[in-house]
């Protein structure tokens, strides 16, 4: 009888904990140090974008701490920023309005976020736009490669570019634990093909990631556990009688 009661209690407790588990969902988006030009309020789960540094030749992400600024997308020069995000750049004048000539090379931006279910598989998508193009890394692994620069004087001819948002599906992504323990990096390539005073550069992104929804089996386990508890109680009452 004692073993039955103990087993029933364990099954019920496990089932209850599984039943009340929920999927973790994350919404990420780019934003800089200023208010942004996109409609609405930017409400995302990641930190403000950091301008990490510049390299003339290397596509390996630079490291460092710097300010990333929101930019005016000024359509149709660039596609408009995605909802809940803003175009960001290394200077306030890097965008199509008030453009300065940034040196040709690679500009790294980064942002951090916290996973509610580290170690669990996440799935979702990321939508990216950039001038001229960008590579995207998640915790050091490339998830979006550079687009082809080609001969287009405006921005890259291959996605990601500044005229068309590129959406990439993500699946079986394992995230790390800890507060702001996950790192997204954007290495923006500046080709500088347009001539003096007309070389804008920036990046925009949104992403959504979530773990799988709970399966119905925990409900069955809960019924089994409560049923065993009920049976144990009935046997105990019969024994006392």
C-alpha atoms as a PDB file:
ATOM      1  CA  UNK A   1       0.000   0.000   0.000  1.00  0.00           C
ATOM      2  CA  UNK A   2       2.781   2.420   0.915  1.00  0.00           C
ATOM      3  CA  UNK A   3       4.560   1.712  -2.384  1.00  0.00           C
ATOM      4  CA  UNK A   4       1.346   2.330  -4.332  1.00  0.00           C
ATOM      5  CA  UNK A   5       0.767   5.645  -2.569  1.00  0.00           C
ATOM      6  CA  UNK A   6       4.372   6.718  -3.138  1.00  0.00           C
ATOM      7  CA  UNK A   7       4.308   5.748  -6.821  1.00  0.00           C
ATOM      8  CA  UNK A   8       0.986   7.500  -7.370  1.00  0.00           C
ATOM      9  CA  UNK A   9       2.223  10.701  -5.756  1.00  0.00           C
ATOM     10  CA  UNK A  10       5.397  10.727  -7.871  1.00  0.00           C
ATOM     11  CA  UNK A  11       3.477  10.200 -11.132  1.00  0.00           C
ATOM     12  CA  UNK A  12       0.987  12.938 -10.252  1.00  0.00           C
ATOM     13  CA  UNK A  13       3.752  15.390  -9.349  1.00  0.00           C
ATOM     14  CA  UNK A  14       5.680  14.743 -12.558  1.00  0.00           C
ATOM     15  CA  UNK A  15       2.546  15.026 -14.658  1.00  0.00           C
ATOM     16  CA  UNK A  16       1.540  18.285 -13.001  1.00  0.00           C
ATOM     17  CA  UNK A  17       4.944  19.851 -13.614  1.00  0.00           C
ATOM     18  CA  UNK A  18       4.864  18.752 -17.254  1.00  0.00           C
ATOM     19  CA  UNK A  19       1.311  19.960 -17.738  1.00  0.00           C
ATOM     20  CA  UNK A  20       2.078  23.488 -16.597  1.00  0.00           C
ATOM     21  CA  UNK A  21       5.240  23.778 -18.735  1.00  0.00           C
ATOM     22  CA  UNK A  22       4.884  26.274 -21.565  1.00  0.00           C
ATOM     23  CA  UNK A  23       6.689  27.053 -24.809  1.00  0.00           C
ATOM     24  CA  UNK A  24       9.218  29.896 -24.774  1.00  0.00           C
ATOM     25  CA  UNK A  25       8.801  32.535 -27.485  1.00  0.00           C
ATOM     26  CA  UNK A  26      11.281  35.277 -28.392  1.00  0.00           C
ATOM     27  CA  UNK A  27      10.810  38.385 -30.535  1.00  0.00           C
ATOM     28  CA  UNK A  28      14.002  40.134 -31.643  1.00  0.00           C
ATOM     29  CA  UNK A  29      14.561  43.304 -33.658  1.00  0.00           C
ATOM     30  CA  UNK A  30      17.191  45.912 -34.462  1.00  0.00           C
ATOM     31  CA  UNK A  31      17.211  49.306 -32.780  1.00  0.00           C
ATOM     32  CA  UNK A  32      19.882  51.842 -31.932  1.00  0.00           C
ATOM     33  CA  UNK A  33      20.523  54.648 -29.490  1.00  0.00           C
ATOM     34  CA  UNK A  34      17.921  57.063 -30.862  1.00  0.00           C
ATOM     35  CA  UNK A  35      14.137  56.920 -31.051  1.00  0.00           C
ATOM     36  CA  UNK A  36      13.856  55.274 -34.472  1.00  0.00           C
ATOM     37  CA  UNK A  37      11.845  56.138 -37.567  1.00  0.00           C
ATOM     38  CA  UNK A  38       9.606  53.089 -37.791  1.00  0.00           C
ATOM     39  CA  UNK A  39       5.952  53.416 -36.722  1.00  0.00           C
ATOM     40  CA  UNK A  40       5.010  52.277 -33.248  1.00  0.00           C
ATOM     41  CA  UNK A  41       7.047  51.342 -30.221  1.00  0.00           C
ATOM     42  CA  UNK A  42       9.913  48.879 -30.534  1.00  0.00           C
ATOM     43  CA  UNK A  43       9.253  46.132 -27.985  1.00  0.00           C
ATOM     44  CA  UNK A  44      11.659  43.234 -28.324  1.00  0.00           C
ATOM     45  CA  UNK A  45      13.453  40.690 -26.144  1.00  0.00           C
ATOM     46  CA  UNK A  46      16.999  41.591 -27.194  1.00  0.00           C
ATOM     47  CA  UNK A  47      19.363  44.356 -26.098  1.00  0.00           C
ATOM     48  CA  UNK A  48      20.107  47.541 -28.026  1.00  0.00           C
ATOM     49  CA  UNK A  49      22.358  47.014 -31.038  1.00  0.00           C
ATOM     50  CA  UNK A  50      26.058  47.522 -30.384  1.00  0.00           C
ATOM     51  CA  UNK A  51      28.461  48.809 -33.038  1.00  0.00           C
ATOM     52  CA  UNK A  52      31.315  46.402 -32.355  1.00  0.00           C
ATOM     53  CA  UNK A  53      33.906  47.582 -34.841  1.00  0.00           C
ATOM     54  CA  UNK A  54      35.318  47.857 -38.342  1.00  0.00           C
ATOM     55  CA  UNK A  55      37.707  45.802 -40.467  1.00  0.00           C
ATOM     56  CA  UNK A  56      39.065  46.694 -43.879  1.00  0.00           C
ATOM     57  CA  UNK A  57      39.470  43.090 -45.064  1.00  0.00           C
ATOM     58  CA  UNK A  58      38.380  40.499 -42.494  1.00  0.00           C
ATOM     59  CA  UNK A  59      34.830  39.095 -42.479  1.00  0.00           C
ATOM     60  CA  UNK A  60      35.399  37.759 -38.954  1.00  0.00           C
ATOM     61  CA  UNK A  61      33.211  39.796 -36.561  1.00  0.00           C
ATOM     62  CA  UNK A  62      35.049  42.631 -34.857  1.00  0.00           C
ATOM     63  CA  UNK A  63      34.841  42.982 -31.085  1.00  0.00           C
ATOM     64  CA  UNK A  64      34.373  46.073 -28.990  1.00  0.00           C
ATOM     65  CA  UNK A  65      31.767  48.404 -27.559  1.00  0.00           C
ATOM     66  CA  UNK A  66      30.333  51.274 -29.563  1.00  0.00           C
ATOM     67  CA  UNK A  67      27.091  53.092 -30.268  1.00  0.00           C
ATOM     68  CA  UNK A  68      24.743  51.986 -33.049  1.00  0.00           C
ATOM     69  CA  UNK A  69      22.397  54.711 -34.316  1.00  0.00           C
ATOM     70  CA  UNK A  70      18.891  54.490 -35.752  1.00  0.00           C
ATOM     71  CA  UNK A  71      18.731  55.621 -39.379  1.00  0.00           C
ATOM     72  CA  UNK A  72      16.088  57.094 -41.649  1.00  0.00           C
ATOM     73  CA  UNK A  73      15.344  54.398 -44.291  1.00  0.00           C
ATOM     74  CA  UNK A  74      13.960  56.979 -46.734  1.00  0.00           C
ATOM     75  CA  UNK A  75      12.087  54.560 -49.068  1.00  0.00           C
ATOM     76  CA  UNK A  76      12.513  53.758 -51.918  1.00  0.00           C
ATOM     77  CA  UNK A  77      16.274  54.224 -51.422  1.00  0.00           C
ATOM     78  CA  UNK A  78      16.065  51.388 -48.890  1.00  0.00           C
ATOM     79  CA  UNK A  79      13.184  49.056 -48.161  1.00  0.00           C
ATOM     80  CA  UNK A  80      11.330  50.248 -45.052  1.00  0.00           C
ATOM     81  CA  UNK A  81      12.380  48.776 -41.726  1.00  0.00           C
ATOM     82  CA  UNK A  82      10.443  45.718 -40.587  1.00  0.00           C
ATOM     83  CA  UNK A  83       7.707  46.242 -37.998  1.00  0.00           C
ATOM     84  CA  UNK A  84       9.157  46.411 -34.490  1.00  0.00           C
ATOM     85  CA  UNK A  85      12.660  47.298 -35.720  1.00  0.00           C
ATOM     86  CA  UNK A  86      14.760  50.179 -37.055  1.00  0.00           C
ATOM     87  CA  UNK A  87      17.598  50.485 -39.532  1.00  0.00           C
ATOM     88  CA  UNK A  88      20.861  51.003 -37.645  1.00  0.00           C
ATOM     89  CA  UNK A  89      24.289  52.261 -38.667  1.00  0.00           C
ATOM     90  CA  UNK A  90      27.705  53.213 -37.374  1.00  0.00           C
ATOM     91  CA  UNK A  91      26.912  56.964 -37.482  1.00  0.00           C
ATOM     92  CA  UNK A  92      23.737  59.052 -37.491  1.00  0.00           C
ATOM     93  CA  UNK A  93      24.490  60.040 -41.081  1.00  0.00           C
ATOM     94  CA  UNK A  94      25.216  56.567 -42.475  1.00  0.00           C
ATOM     95  CA  UNK A  95      21.737  56.233 -43.987  1.00  0.00           C
ATOM     96  CA  UNK A  96      20.393  57.604 -47.283  1.00  0.00           C
ATOM     97  CA  UNK A  97      19.597  60.963 -45.661  1.00  0.00           C
ATOM     98  CA  UNK A  98      22.699  62.996 -44.812  1.00  0.00           C
ATOM     99  CA  UNK A  99      24.964  60.249 -46.065  1.00  0.00           C
ATOM    100  CA  UNK A 100      28.661  60.349 -45.286  1.00  0.00           C
ATOM    101  CA  UNK A 101      31.260  58.244 -47.064  1.00  0.00           C
ATOM    102  CA  UNK A 102      32.099  55.304 -44.832  1.00  0.00           C
ATOM    103  CA  UNK A 103      35.327  53.502 -45.687  1.00  0.00           C
ATOM    104  CA  UNK A 104      34.974  50.320 -47.729  1.00  0.00           C
ATOM    105  CA  UNK A 105      35.122  47.286 -45.455  1.00  0.00           C
ATOM    106  CA  UNK A 106      33.154  45.306 -42.864  1.00  0.00           C
ATOM    107  CA  UNK A 107      31.142  46.825 -40.005  1.00  0.00           C
ATOM    108  CA  UNK A 108      30.046  44.570 -37.129  1.00  0.00           C
ATOM    109  CA  UNK A 109      26.874  45.092 -35.095  1.00  0.00           C
ATOM    110  CA  UNK A 110      25.742  42.815 -32.284  1.00  0.00           C
ATOM    111  CA  UNK A 111      22.861  42.263 -29.903  1.00  0.00           C
ATOM    112  CA  UNK A 112      22.245  39.883 -26.991  1.00  0.00           C
ATOM    113  CA  UNK A 113      19.169  38.055 -25.717  1.00  0.00           C
ATOM    114  CA  UNK A 114      18.094  35.593 -23.041  1.00  0.00           C
ATOM    115  CA  UNK A 115      16.653  32.138 -23.771  1.00  0.00           C
ATOM    116  CA  UNK A 116      13.910  30.911 -21.463  1.00  0.00           C
ATOM    117  CA  UNK A 117      14.572  27.262 -22.353  1.00  0.00           C
ATOM    118  CA  UNK A 118      18.311  26.857 -22.968  1.00  0.00           C
ATOM    119  CA  UNK A 119      19.244  23.492 -24.448  1.00  0.00           C
ATOM    120  CA  UNK A 120      15.803  23.006 -26.015  1.00  0.00           C
ATOM    121  CA  UNK A 121      15.396  23.132 -29.807  1.00  0.00           C
ATOM    122  CA  UNK A 122      14.081  26.474 -31.073  1.00  0.00           C
ATOM    123  CA  UNK A 123      12.538  27.132 -34.483  1.00  0.00           C
ATOM    124  CA  UNK A 124      11.400  30.271 -36.272  1.00  0.00           C
ATOM    125  CA  UNK A 125      12.741  32.752 -38.797  1.00  0.00           C
ATOM    126  CA  UNK A 126      14.893  35.840 -39.242  1.00  0.00           C
ATOM    127  CA  UNK A 127      14.261  38.634 -41.748  1.00  0.00           C
ATOM    128  CA  UNK A 128      17.267  40.750 -42.757  1.00  0.00           C
ATOM    129  CA  UNK A 129      17.995  43.750 -44.976  1.00  0.00           C
ATOM    130  CA  UNK A 130      21.333  45.538 -45.379  1.00  0.00           C
ATOM    131  CA  UNK A 131      23.374  47.935 -47.450  1.00  0.00           C
ATOM    132  CA  UNK A 132      25.367  46.671 -49.164  1.00  0.00           C
ATOM    133  CA  UNK A 133      24.839  43.199 -47.656  1.00  0.00           C
ATOM    134  CA  UNK A 134      25.415  41.357 -44.380  1.00  0.00           C
ATOM    135  CA  UNK A 135      26.427  38.047 -42.848  1.00  0.00           C
ATOM    136  CA  UNK A 136      24.573  36.959 -39.689  1.00  0.00           C
ATOM    137  CA  UNK A 137      26.038  34.784 -36.936  1.00  0.00           C
ATOM    138  CA  UNK A 138      24.271  33.239 -33.931  1.00  0.00           C
ATOM    139  CA  UNK A 139      26.646  32.321 -31.108  1.00  0.00           C
ATOM    140  CA  UNK A 140      29.508  32.197 -33.583  1.00  0.00           C
ATOM    141  CA  UNK A 141      27.757  30.095 -36.249  1.00  0.00           C
ATOM    142  CA  UNK A 142      26.786  31.619 -39.606  1.00  0.00           C
ATOM    143  CA  UNK A 143      23.013  31.412 -40.114  1.00  0.00           C
ATOM    144  CA  UNK A 144      22.789  33.920 -43.015  1.00  0.00           C
ATOM    145  CA  UNK A 145      25.647  34.256 -45.545  1.00  0.00           C
ATOM    146  CA  UNK A 146      26.634  37.430 -47.403  1.00  0.00           C
ATOM    147  CA  UNK A 147      24.677  38.294 -50.534  1.00  0.00           C
ATOM    148  CA  UNK A 148      26.486  38.715 -53.848  1.00  0.00           C
ATOM    149  CA  UNK A 149      27.699  42.285 -54.384  1.00  0.00           C
ATOM    150  CA  UNK A 150      27.688  41.974 -58.180  1.00  0.00           C
ATOM    151  CA  UNK A 151      27.688  45.057 -60.390  1.00  0.00           C
ATOM    152  CA  UNK A 152      24.716  46.868 -58.844  1.00  0.00           C
ATOM    153  CA  UNK A 153      25.782  50.381 -57.833  1.00  0.00           C
ATOM    154  CA  UNK A 154      22.892  50.718 -55.367  1.00  0.00           C
ATOM    155  CA  UNK A 155      23.360  47.716 -53.073  1.00  0.00           C
ATOM    156  CA  UNK A 156      24.087  43.998 -53.385  1.00  0.00           C
ATOM    157  CA  UNK A 157      22.403  42.064 -56.190  1.00  0.00           C
ATOM    158  CA  UNK A 158      21.944  39.023 -53.908  1.00  0.00           C
ATOM    159  CA  UNK A 159      20.016  38.874 -50.635  1.00  0.00           C
ATOM    160  CA  UNK A 160      20.397  40.178 -48.046  1.00  0.00           C
ATOM    161  CA  UNK A 161      20.391  43.614 -49.660  1.00  0.00           C
ATOM    162  CA  UNK A 162      18.805  47.029 -49.147  1.00  0.00           C
ATOM    163  CA  UNK A 163      15.885  46.684 -51.582  1.00  0.00           C
ATOM    164  CA  UNK A 164      14.326  43.373 -50.544  1.00  0.00           C
ATOM    165  CA  UNK A 165      13.958  41.784 -47.125  1.00  0.00           C
ATOM    166  CA  UNK A 166      15.402  38.269 -46.964  1.00  0.00           C
ATOM    167  CA  UNK A 167      13.564  35.808 -44.697  1.00  0.00           C
ATOM    168  CA  UNK A 168      15.381  32.642 -43.619  1.00  0.00           C
ATOM    169  CA  UNK A 169      13.677  29.778 -41.780  1.00  0.00           C
ATOM    170  CA  UNK A 170      15.495  28.478 -38.708  1.00  0.00           C
ATOM    171  CA  UNK A 171      14.996  25.080 -37.079  1.00  0.00           C
ATOM    172  CA  UNK A 172      16.611  22.988 -34.351  1.00  0.00           C
ATOM    173  CA  UNK A 173      18.491  25.990 -32.973  1.00  0.00           C
ATOM    174  CA  UNK A 174      19.993  25.298 -29.541  1.00  0.00           C
ATOM    175  CA  UNK A 175      20.375  28.426 -27.417  1.00  0.00           C
ATOM    176  CA  UNK A 176      22.656  29.071 -24.467  1.00  0.00           C
ATOM    177  CA  UNK A 177      21.659  29.794 -20.875  1.00  0.00           C
ATOM    178  CA  UNK A 178      22.307  32.853 -18.738  1.00  0.00           C
ATOM    179  CA  UNK A 179      21.025  36.413 -18.837  1.00  0.00           C
ATOM    180  CA  UNK A 180      21.805  37.873 -22.286  1.00  0.00           C
ATOM    181  CA  UNK A 181      23.773  34.681 -22.896  1.00  0.00           C
ATOM    182  CA  UNK A 182      23.075  34.512 -26.654  1.00  0.00           C
ATOM    183  CA  UNK A 183      24.798  36.678 -29.250  1.00  0.00           C
ATOM    184  CA  UNK A 184      23.575  37.754 -32.681  1.00  0.00           C
ATOM    185  CA  UNK A 185      26.232  39.398 -34.893  1.00  0.00           C
ATOM    186  CA  UNK A 186      25.795  41.227 -38.209  1.00  0.00           C
ATOM    187  CA  UNK A 187      28.877  41.817 -40.357  1.00  0.00           C
ATOM    188  CA  UNK A 188      27.771  44.493 -42.831  1.00  0.00           C
ATOM    189  CA  UNK A 189      29.812  44.745 -46.025  1.00  0.00           C
ATOM    190  CA  UNK A 190      30.299  48.282 -47.361  1.00  0.00           C
ATOM    191  CA  UNK A 191      31.327  48.061 -51.016  1.00  0.00           C
ATOM    192  CA  UNK A 192      31.415  51.814 -51.639  1.00  0.00           C
ATOM    193  CA  UNK A 193      30.594  51.693 -55.350  1.00  0.00           C
ATOM    194  CA  UNK A 194      28.314  54.737 -55.631  1.00  0.00           C
ATOM    195  CA  UNK A 195      30.802  57.584 -55.433  1.00  0.00           C
ATOM    196  CA  UNK A 196      31.526  60.423 -52.992  1.00  0.00           C
ATOM    197  CA  UNK A 197      28.644  61.471 -50.767  1.00  0.00           C
ATOM    198  CA  UNK A 198      26.401  58.608 -51.803  1.00  0.00           C
ATOM    199  CA  UNK A 199      27.504  55.450 -49.965  1.00  0.00           C
ATOM    200  CA  UNK A 200      24.874  54.632 -47.312  1.00  0.00           C
ATOM    201  CA  UNK A 201      25.385  51.660 -45.011  1.00  0.00           C
ATOM    202  CA  UNK A 202      23.162  49.976 -42.435  1.00  0.00           C
ATOM    203  CA  UNK A 203      21.317  46.861 -41.320  1.00  0.00           C
ATOM    204  CA  UNK A 204      17.778  45.984 -40.232  1.00  0.00           C
ATOM    205  CA  UNK A 205      16.407  42.711 -38.855  1.00  0.00           C
ATOM    206  CA  UNK A 206      13.554  41.032 -37.030  1.00  0.00           C
ATOM    207  CA  UNK A 207      13.476  37.454 -35.759  1.00  0.00           C
ATOM    208  CA  UNK A 208      11.092  35.155 -33.949  1.00  0.00           C
ATOM    209  CA  UNK A 209      12.098  31.945 -32.191  1.00  0.00           C
ATOM    210  CA  UNK A 210      10.117  29.533 -30.050  1.00  0.00           C
ATOM    211  CA  UNK A 211      10.347  26.100 -28.523  1.00  0.00           C
ATOM    212  CA  UNK A 212       7.860  23.402 -29.428  1.00  0.00           C
ATOM    213  CA  UNK A 213       4.425  23.597 -27.804  1.00  0.00           C
ATOM    214  CA  UNK A 214       3.740  21.070 -25.010  1.00  0.00           C
ATOM    215  CA  UNK A 215       2.496  17.685 -26.158  1.00  0.00           C
ATOM    216  CA  UNK A 216      -0.799  16.238 -24.858  1.00  0.00           C
ATOM    217  CA  UNK A 217       0.871  13.284 -23.115  1.00  0.00           C
ATOM    218  CA  UNK A 218       1.300  15.131 -19.777  1.00  0.00           C
ATOM    219  CA  UNK A 219      -2.504  15.352 -19.490  1.00  0.00           C
ATOM    220  CA  UNK A 220      -2.691  11.586 -19.813  1.00  0.00           C
ATOM    221  CA  UNK A 221      -0.006  11.220 -17.152  1.00  0.00           C
ATOM    222  CA  UNK A 222      -1.948  13.551 -14.878  1.00  0.00           C
ATOM    223  CA  UNK A 223      -5.090  11.444 -15.280  1.00  0.00           C
ATOM    224  CA  UNK A 224      -3.069   8.300 -14.573  1.00  0.00           C
ATOM    225  CA  UNK A 225      -1.507   9.784 -11.465  1.00  0.00           C
ATOM    226  CA  UNK A 226      -4.775  11.070 -10.015  1.00  0.00           C
ATOM    227  CA  UNK A 227      -6.440   7.757 -10.858  1.00  0.00           C
ATOM    228  CA  UNK A 228      -3.762   5.846  -8.994  1.00  0.00           C
ATOM    229  CA  UNK A 229      -4.120   8.187  -6.032  1.00  0.00           C
ATOM    230  CA  UNK A 230      -7.884   7.612  -6.043  1.00  0.00           C
ATOM    231  CA  UNK A 231      -7.429   3.849  -6.169  1.00  0.00           C
ATOM    232  CA  UNK A 232      -4.912   3.989  -3.342  1.00  0.00           C
ATOM    233  CA  UNK A 233      -7.327   6.052  -1.262  1.00  0.00           C
ATOM    234  CA  UNK A 234     -10.180   3.605  -1.860  1.00  0.00           C
ATOM    235  CA  UNK A 235      -7.999   0.663  -0.850  1.00  0.00           C
ATOM    236  CA  UNK A 236      -6.881   2.491   2.281  1.00  0.00           C
ATOM    237  CA  UNK A 237     -10.469   3.237   3.295  1.00  0.00           C
ATOM    238  CA  UNK A 238     -11.436  -0.428   2.692  1.00  0.00           C
ATOM    239  CA  UNK A 239      -8.508  -1.598   4.797  1.00  0.00           C
ATOM    240  CA  UNK A 240      -9.475   0.678   7.685  1.00  0.00           C
ATOM    241  CA  UNK A 241     -13.085  -0.484   7.483  1.00  0.00           C
END
